[in-house]
């Protein structure tokens, strides 16, 4: 479901997470602003700007994350800001053999005109590496 330009920020973010859980990079990219800023705080995270660059990177990310699922543990919404505590789980296929993992993290979103303008992802990349056997 694509929210209208008058949808609440929480509805926009919920639709965005639904698109990620559906493994649909086009639907997820349609919910971000043209100048979207995807900010990662993890040491190995790579931030980026722009809807098209995000869509392209998302295709590769989703291809390596078999069964990706974000479960919302808590959501707080105030004005244009939405914060979500989540549990991310999947089977990472980056080395060929699927390796299951489950991580907790927090997304911080800024939503403007019914689109995600800025997303900050706080998660522990070292814990991901430990769970999939890279450390």
N, C-alpha and C. Protein backbone atom coordinates (compact mmCIF):
# COMPACT_ATOMS: atom_id res chain seq x y z
N UNK A 1 0.85 -1.18 0.00
CA UNK A 1 0.00 0.00 0.00
C UNK A 1 0.89 1.24 0.00
N UNK A 2 0.69 2.11 -0.93
CA UNK A 2 1.42 3.37 -0.97
C UNK A 2 0.57 4.43 -0.30
N UNK A 3 1.08 5.09 0.73
CA UNK A 3 0.29 6.10 1.42
C UNK A 3 0.11 7.34 0.56
N UNK A 4 -0.98 8.04 0.81
CA UNK A 4 -1.20 9.29 0.10
C UNK A 4 -0.29 10.36 0.69
N UNK A 5 -0.21 11.48 0.01
CA UNK A 5 0.61 12.60 0.50
C UNK A 5 0.08 13.14 1.82
N UNK A 6 -1.14 12.75 2.21
CA UNK A 6 -1.73 13.24 3.45
C UNK A 6 -1.70 12.20 4.55
N UNK A 7 -1.05 11.05 4.30
CA UNK A 7 -0.96 10.01 5.32
C UNK A 7 -0.10 10.49 6.48
N UNK A 8 -0.34 9.92 7.62
CA UNK A 8 0.48 10.27 8.78
C UNK A 8 1.89 9.73 8.58
N UNK A 9 2.88 10.33 9.22
CA UNK A 9 4.24 9.78 9.14
C UNK A 9 4.29 8.32 9.58
N UNK A 10 3.56 7.95 10.62
CA UNK A 10 3.55 6.56 11.08
C UNK A 10 3.01 5.63 9.99
N UNK A 11 1.98 6.05 9.26
CA UNK A 11 1.42 5.22 8.17
C UNK A 11 2.43 5.09 7.03
N UNK A 12 3.15 6.15 6.74
CA UNK A 12 4.19 6.09 5.69
C UNK A 12 5.28 5.10 6.08
N UNK A 13 5.75 5.17 7.32
CA UNK A 13 6.81 4.28 7.79
C UNK A 13 6.32 2.83 7.82
N UNK A 14 5.10 2.62 8.24
CA UNK A 14 4.54 1.26 8.25
C UNK A 14 4.48 0.69 6.84
N UNK A 15 4.06 1.49 5.87
CA UNK A 15 4.03 1.04 4.47
C UNK A 15 5.44 0.74 3.97
N UNK A 16 6.39 1.54 4.37
CA UNK A 16 7.79 1.33 3.98
C UNK A 16 8.30 -0.01 4.53
N UNK A 17 8.06 -0.27 5.80
CA UNK A 17 8.49 -1.55 6.38
C UNK A 17 7.77 -2.73 5.74
N UNK A 18 6.49 -2.54 5.41
CA UNK A 18 5.75 -3.60 4.71
C UNK A 18 6.40 -3.91 3.37
N UNK A 19 6.86 -2.87 2.66
CA UNK A 19 7.54 -3.08 1.37
C UNK A 19 8.85 -3.83 1.55
N UNK A 20 9.62 -3.50 2.59
CA UNK A 20 10.85 -4.24 2.86
C UNK A 20 10.54 -5.69 3.20
N UNK A 21 9.52 -5.91 4.02
CA UNK A 21 9.15 -7.27 4.39
C UNK A 21 8.61 -8.07 3.21
N UNK A 22 8.08 -7.38 2.21
CA UNK A 22 7.61 -8.03 0.98
C UNK A 22 8.75 -8.23 -0.01
N UNK A 23 9.94 -7.76 0.33
CA UNK A 23 11.15 -7.89 -0.52
C UNK A 23 10.94 -7.18 -1.85
N UNK A 24 10.32 -5.99 -1.79
CA UNK A 24 9.97 -5.23 -2.99
C UNK A 24 10.75 -3.92 -3.02
N UNK A 25 11.92 -3.91 -3.68
CA UNK A 25 12.73 -2.69 -3.68
C UNK A 25 12.05 -1.51 -4.37
N UNK A 26 11.24 -1.78 -5.38
CA UNK A 26 10.56 -0.69 -6.07
C UNK A 26 9.52 -0.03 -5.17
N UNK A 27 8.75 -0.84 -4.44
CA UNK A 27 7.75 -0.29 -3.53
C UNK A 27 8.41 0.48 -2.39
N UNK A 28 9.52 -0.04 -1.86
CA UNK A 28 10.23 0.67 -0.78
C UNK A 28 10.79 1.99 -1.30
N UNK A 29 11.40 1.97 -2.48
CA UNK A 29 11.98 3.19 -3.04
C UNK A 29 10.91 4.22 -3.38
N UNK A 30 9.72 3.77 -3.74
CA UNK A 30 8.63 4.69 -4.04
C UNK A 30 8.17 5.47 -2.81
N UNK A 31 8.53 4.99 -1.63
CA UNK A 31 8.12 5.63 -0.39
C UNK A 31 9.19 6.54 0.20
N UNK A 32 10.30 6.73 -0.52
CA UNK A 32 11.33 7.65 -0.05
C UNK A 32 11.42 8.85 -0.98
N UNK A 33 11.88 9.96 -0.44
CA UNK A 33 12.01 11.21 -1.19
C UNK A 33 13.12 11.09 -2.24
N UNK A 34 13.04 11.91 -3.24
CA UNK A 34 14.04 11.92 -4.32
C UNK A 34 15.45 12.12 -3.75
N UNK A 35 15.58 12.98 -2.73
CA UNK A 35 16.89 13.25 -2.12
C UNK A 35 17.06 12.51 -0.79
N UNK A 36 16.40 11.37 -0.66
CA UNK A 36 16.44 10.52 0.53
C UNK A 36 17.87 10.35 1.06
N UNK A 37 18.03 10.46 2.37
CA UNK A 37 19.31 10.23 3.03
C UNK A 37 19.17 8.98 3.89
N UNK A 38 19.87 7.92 3.51
CA UNK A 38 19.87 6.65 4.24
C UNK A 38 21.18 6.61 5.03
N UNK A 39 21.08 6.85 6.33
CA UNK A 39 22.25 6.99 7.18
C UNK A 39 22.43 5.75 8.05
N UNK A 40 23.62 5.17 8.01
CA UNK A 40 23.96 4.02 8.84
C UNK A 40 24.98 4.45 9.88
N UNK A 41 24.77 4.05 11.12
CA UNK A 41 25.71 4.39 12.18
C UNK A 41 26.70 3.26 12.46
N UNK A 42 26.43 2.06 11.97
CA UNK A 42 27.32 0.92 12.20
C UNK A 42 28.66 1.15 11.51
N UNK A 43 29.71 0.62 12.09
CA UNK A 43 31.05 0.81 11.56
C UNK A 43 31.16 0.34 10.11
N UNK A 44 30.48 -0.73 9.76
CA UNK A 44 30.54 -1.25 8.39
C UNK A 44 29.40 -0.75 7.51
N UNK A 45 28.51 0.05 8.07
CA UNK A 45 27.39 0.58 7.29
C UNK A 45 27.85 1.62 6.29
N UNK A 46 27.14 1.72 5.19
CA UNK A 46 27.45 2.72 4.17
C UNK A 46 26.22 3.58 3.93
N UNK A 47 26.33 4.84 4.28
CA UNK A 47 25.25 5.78 4.07
C UNK A 47 25.18 6.15 2.60
N UNK A 48 24.02 6.64 2.17
CA UNK A 48 23.87 7.08 0.78
C UNK A 48 22.79 8.12 0.68
N UNK A 49 22.79 8.82 -0.46
CA UNK A 49 21.76 9.82 -0.75
C UNK A 49 21.15 9.53 -2.11
N UNK A 50 19.83 9.72 -2.18
CA UNK A 50 19.13 9.61 -3.46
C UNK A 50 18.28 8.36 -3.58
N UNK A 51 17.08 8.54 -4.10
CA UNK A 51 16.13 7.44 -4.26
C UNK A 51 16.65 6.36 -5.20
N UNK A 52 17.20 6.75 -6.34
CA UNK A 52 17.63 5.74 -7.32
C UNK A 52 18.83 4.95 -6.81
N UNK A 53 19.80 5.60 -6.19
CA UNK A 53 20.92 4.87 -5.62
C UNK A 53 20.44 3.91 -4.53
N UNK A 54 19.48 4.37 -3.72
CA UNK A 54 18.93 3.52 -2.68
C UNK A 54 18.24 2.28 -3.29
N UNK A 55 17.42 2.49 -4.31
CA UNK A 55 16.72 1.37 -4.94
C UNK A 55 17.72 0.35 -5.47
N UNK A 56 18.77 0.81 -6.12
CA UNK A 56 19.77 -0.10 -6.67
C UNK A 56 20.49 -0.88 -5.56
N UNK A 57 20.89 -0.20 -4.49
CA UNK A 57 21.57 -0.89 -3.40
C UNK A 57 20.61 -1.85 -2.69
N UNK A 58 19.35 -1.45 -2.58
CA UNK A 58 18.36 -2.29 -1.92
C UNK A 58 18.17 -3.62 -2.64
N UNK A 59 18.26 -3.62 -3.96
CA UNK A 59 18.14 -4.87 -4.71
C UNK A 59 19.19 -5.88 -4.26
N UNK A 60 20.44 -5.46 -4.14
CA UNK A 60 21.51 -6.34 -3.70
C UNK A 60 21.34 -6.77 -2.26
N UNK A 61 20.93 -5.83 -1.41
CA UNK A 61 20.70 -6.14 0.00
C UNK A 61 19.63 -7.21 0.15
N UNK A 62 18.51 -7.02 -0.53
CA UNK A 62 17.41 -7.99 -0.42
C UNK A 62 17.79 -9.35 -1.01
N UNK A 63 18.62 -9.36 -2.04
CA UNK A 63 19.06 -10.61 -2.65
C UNK A 63 19.89 -11.44 -1.67
N UNK A 64 20.62 -10.78 -0.77
CA UNK A 64 21.46 -11.48 0.21
C UNK A 64 20.73 -11.80 1.51
N UNK A 65 19.50 -11.34 1.66
CA UNK A 65 18.77 -11.49 2.92
C UNK A 65 17.52 -12.33 2.71
N UNK A 66 17.71 -13.62 2.56
CA UNK A 66 16.60 -14.54 2.33
C UNK A 66 15.64 -14.53 3.52
N UNK A 67 14.36 -14.31 3.23
CA UNK A 67 13.36 -14.31 4.29
C UNK A 67 13.42 -13.11 5.21
N UNK A 68 14.01 -12.01 4.74
CA UNK A 68 14.15 -10.80 5.57
C UNK A 68 12.81 -10.41 6.19
N UNK A 69 12.87 -10.09 7.48
CA UNK A 69 11.68 -9.66 8.19
C UNK A 69 12.07 -8.65 9.25
N UNK A 70 11.39 -7.51 9.25
CA UNK A 70 11.51 -6.53 10.33
C UNK A 70 10.25 -6.63 11.17
N UNK A 71 10.42 -6.97 12.44
CA UNK A 71 9.31 -7.00 13.38
C UNK A 71 9.39 -5.76 14.25
N UNK A 72 8.31 -5.01 14.29
CA UNK A 72 8.27 -3.78 15.10
C UNK A 72 8.03 -4.16 16.55
N UNK A 73 8.97 -3.78 17.41
CA UNK A 73 8.83 -4.01 18.84
C UNK A 73 8.15 -2.82 19.52
N UNK A 74 8.41 -1.62 19.02
CA UNK A 74 7.79 -0.41 19.56
C UNK A 74 7.89 0.69 18.52
N UNK A 75 6.89 1.57 18.51
CA UNK A 75 6.89 2.72 17.60
C UNK A 75 6.48 3.96 18.37
N UNK A 76 7.22 5.04 18.15
CA UNK A 76 6.89 6.34 18.72
C UNK A 76 6.85 7.33 17.56
N UNK A 77 5.79 8.10 17.51
CA UNK A 77 5.63 9.07 16.43
C UNK A 77 5.25 10.41 17.02
N UNK A 78 6.01 11.45 16.60
CA UNK A 78 5.72 12.80 17.04
C UNK A 78 6.03 13.75 15.90
N UNK A 79 5.03 14.43 15.42
CA UNK A 79 5.21 15.33 14.28
C UNK A 79 5.69 14.54 13.07
N UNK A 80 6.79 14.98 12.47
CA UNK A 80 7.32 14.32 11.27
C UNK A 80 8.32 13.21 11.60
N UNK A 81 8.56 12.97 12.89
CA UNK A 81 9.54 11.99 13.33
C UNK A 81 8.87 10.70 13.79
N UNK A 82 9.43 9.57 13.34
CA UNK A 82 8.96 8.26 13.78
C UNK A 82 10.19 7.45 14.17
N UNK A 83 10.14 6.86 15.37
CA UNK A 83 11.22 5.98 15.82
C UNK A 83 10.64 4.59 16.02
N UNK A 84 11.39 3.59 15.56
CA UNK A 84 10.94 2.20 15.66
C UNK A 84 12.05 1.35 16.23
N UNK A 85 11.74 0.63 17.30
CA UNK A 85 12.62 -0.43 17.78
C UNK A 85 12.20 -1.68 17.01
N UNK A 86 13.17 -2.37 16.43
CA UNK A 86 12.84 -3.51 15.57
C UNK A 86 13.71 -4.72 15.89
N UNK A 87 13.24 -5.86 15.42
CA UNK A 87 14.04 -7.08 15.36
C UNK A 87 14.09 -7.47 13.90
N UNK A 88 15.30 -7.54 13.38
CA UNK A 88 15.55 -7.91 11.98
C UNK A 88 16.04 -9.35 11.96
N UNK A 89 15.42 -10.17 11.13
CA UNK A 89 15.87 -11.55 11.00
C UNK A 89 15.86 -11.94 9.53
N UNK A 90 16.75 -12.85 9.19
CA UNK A 90 16.87 -13.35 7.81
C UNK A 90 17.87 -14.48 7.80
N UNK A 91 18.08 -15.00 6.63
CA UNK A 91 19.17 -15.94 6.37
C UNK A 91 20.09 -15.25 5.37
N UNK A 92 21.26 -14.83 5.83
CA UNK A 92 22.22 -14.12 4.98
C UNK A 92 22.87 -15.11 4.03
N UNK A 93 22.88 -14.79 2.75
CA UNK A 93 23.43 -15.69 1.73
C UNK A 93 24.69 -15.12 1.10
N UNK A 94 25.33 -14.17 1.74
CA UNK A 94 26.51 -13.51 1.19
C UNK A 94 27.69 -14.43 0.93
N UNK A 95 27.74 -15.56 1.60
CA UNK A 95 28.83 -16.51 1.37
C UNK A 95 28.34 -17.75 0.64
N UNK A 96 27.11 -17.71 0.15
CA UNK A 96 26.55 -18.85 -0.58
C UNK A 96 25.62 -19.68 0.28
N UNK A 97 26.11 -20.16 1.40
CA UNK A 97 25.30 -20.98 2.31
C UNK A 97 24.48 -20.06 3.23
N UNK A 98 23.15 -20.22 3.27
CA UNK A 98 22.34 -19.35 4.13
C UNK A 98 22.73 -19.48 5.60
N UNK A 99 22.93 -18.33 6.23
CA UNK A 99 23.29 -18.29 7.65
C UNK A 99 22.28 -17.42 8.39
N UNK A 100 21.49 -18.04 9.29
CA UNK A 100 20.45 -17.27 9.98
C UNK A 100 21.02 -16.31 11.01
N UNK A 101 20.30 -15.20 11.18
CA UNK A 101 20.65 -14.23 12.21
C UNK A 101 19.40 -13.51 12.67
N UNK A 102 19.49 -12.88 13.82
CA UNK A 102 18.41 -12.06 14.37
C UNK A 102 19.06 -10.95 15.18
N UNK A 103 18.75 -9.71 14.82
CA UNK A 103 19.35 -8.53 15.46
C UNK A 103 18.27 -7.57 15.90
N UNK A 104 18.55 -6.87 16.97
CA UNK A 104 17.67 -5.78 17.38
C UNK A 104 18.32 -4.46 16.98
N UNK A 105 17.49 -3.48 16.65
CA UNK A 105 18.00 -2.18 16.28
C UNK A 105 16.92 -1.12 16.39
N UNK A 106 17.26 0.08 15.97
CA UNK A 106 16.33 1.20 15.99
C UNK A 106 16.45 1.95 14.67
N UNK A 107 15.31 2.26 14.08
CA UNK A 107 15.23 3.17 12.94
C UNK A 107 14.72 4.51 13.45
N UNK A 108 15.29 5.58 12.93
CA UNK A 108 14.82 6.95 13.20
C UNK A 108 14.47 7.54 11.85
N UNK A 109 13.21 7.89 11.64
CA UNK A 109 12.73 8.39 10.36
C UNK A 109 12.30 9.85 10.46
N UNK A 110 12.54 10.60 9.39
CA UNK A 110 11.93 11.91 9.19
C UNK A 110 11.08 11.79 7.93
N UNK A 111 9.81 12.12 8.04
CA UNK A 111 8.87 11.98 6.94
C UNK A 111 8.35 13.37 6.56
N UNK A 112 8.43 13.67 5.27
CA UNK A 112 7.93 14.95 4.77
C UNK A 112 7.08 14.70 3.53
N UNK A 113 5.91 15.32 3.48
CA UNK A 113 5.01 15.20 2.32
C UNK A 113 4.72 13.74 1.98
N UNK A 114 4.55 12.90 2.99
CA UNK A 114 4.18 11.51 2.77
C UNK A 114 5.29 10.60 2.30
N UNK A 115 6.55 11.09 2.34
CA UNK A 115 7.70 10.29 1.92
C UNK A 115 8.78 10.32 2.99
N UNK A 116 9.51 9.22 3.11
CA UNK A 116 10.64 9.17 4.05
C UNK A 116 11.77 10.01 3.46
N UNK A 117 12.16 11.04 4.17
CA UNK A 117 13.23 11.93 3.72
C UNK A 117 14.59 11.51 4.28
N UNK A 118 14.58 10.95 5.49
CA UNK A 118 15.83 10.60 6.18
C UNK A 118 15.55 9.38 7.04
N UNK A 119 16.43 8.40 6.96
CA UNK A 119 16.35 7.22 7.81
C UNK A 119 17.71 7.00 8.43
N UNK A 120 17.75 6.87 9.75
CA UNK A 120 18.97 6.53 10.46
C UNK A 120 18.77 5.13 11.01
N UNK A 121 19.76 4.25 10.78
CA UNK A 121 19.69 2.87 11.23
C UNK A 121 20.76 2.65 12.29
N UNK A 122 20.32 2.29 13.50
CA UNK A 122 21.23 1.99 14.61
C UNK A 122 21.16 0.49 14.86
N UNK A 123 22.20 -0.23 14.47
CA UNK A 123 22.29 -1.66 14.78
C UNK A 123 23.75 -2.04 14.88
N UNK A 124 23.98 -3.18 15.48
CA UNK A 124 25.33 -3.64 15.79
C UNK A 124 25.85 -4.54 14.67
N UNK A 125 26.70 -4.00 13.82
CA UNK A 125 27.23 -4.80 12.71
C UNK A 125 28.16 -5.90 13.20
N UNK A 126 28.83 -5.71 14.33
CA UNK A 126 29.69 -6.76 14.88
C UNK A 126 28.86 -7.97 15.32
N UNK A 127 27.67 -7.72 15.84
CA UNK A 127 26.79 -8.83 16.24
C UNK A 127 26.30 -9.59 15.02
N UNK A 128 25.99 -8.88 13.94
CA UNK A 128 25.63 -9.55 12.69
C UNK A 128 26.78 -10.46 12.23
N UNK A 129 27.99 -9.92 12.21
CA UNK A 129 29.16 -10.70 11.79
C UNK A 129 29.37 -11.92 12.68
N UNK A 130 29.17 -11.77 13.97
CA UNK A 130 29.31 -12.89 14.89
C UNK A 130 28.28 -13.98 14.57
N UNK A 131 27.04 -13.58 14.39
CA UNK A 131 25.98 -14.57 14.15
C UNK A 131 26.12 -15.31 12.83
N UNK A 132 26.65 -14.65 11.81
CA UNK A 132 26.77 -15.33 10.50
C UNK A 132 28.16 -15.95 10.30
N UNK A 133 29.01 -15.89 11.32
CA UNK A 133 30.29 -16.56 11.27
C UNK A 133 31.39 -15.81 10.55
N UNK A 134 31.30 -14.50 10.48
CA UNK A 134 32.35 -13.70 9.86
C UNK A 134 33.39 -13.24 10.87
N UNK A 135 33.15 -13.46 12.15
CA UNK A 135 34.09 -13.06 13.23
C UNK A 135 34.45 -14.26 14.04
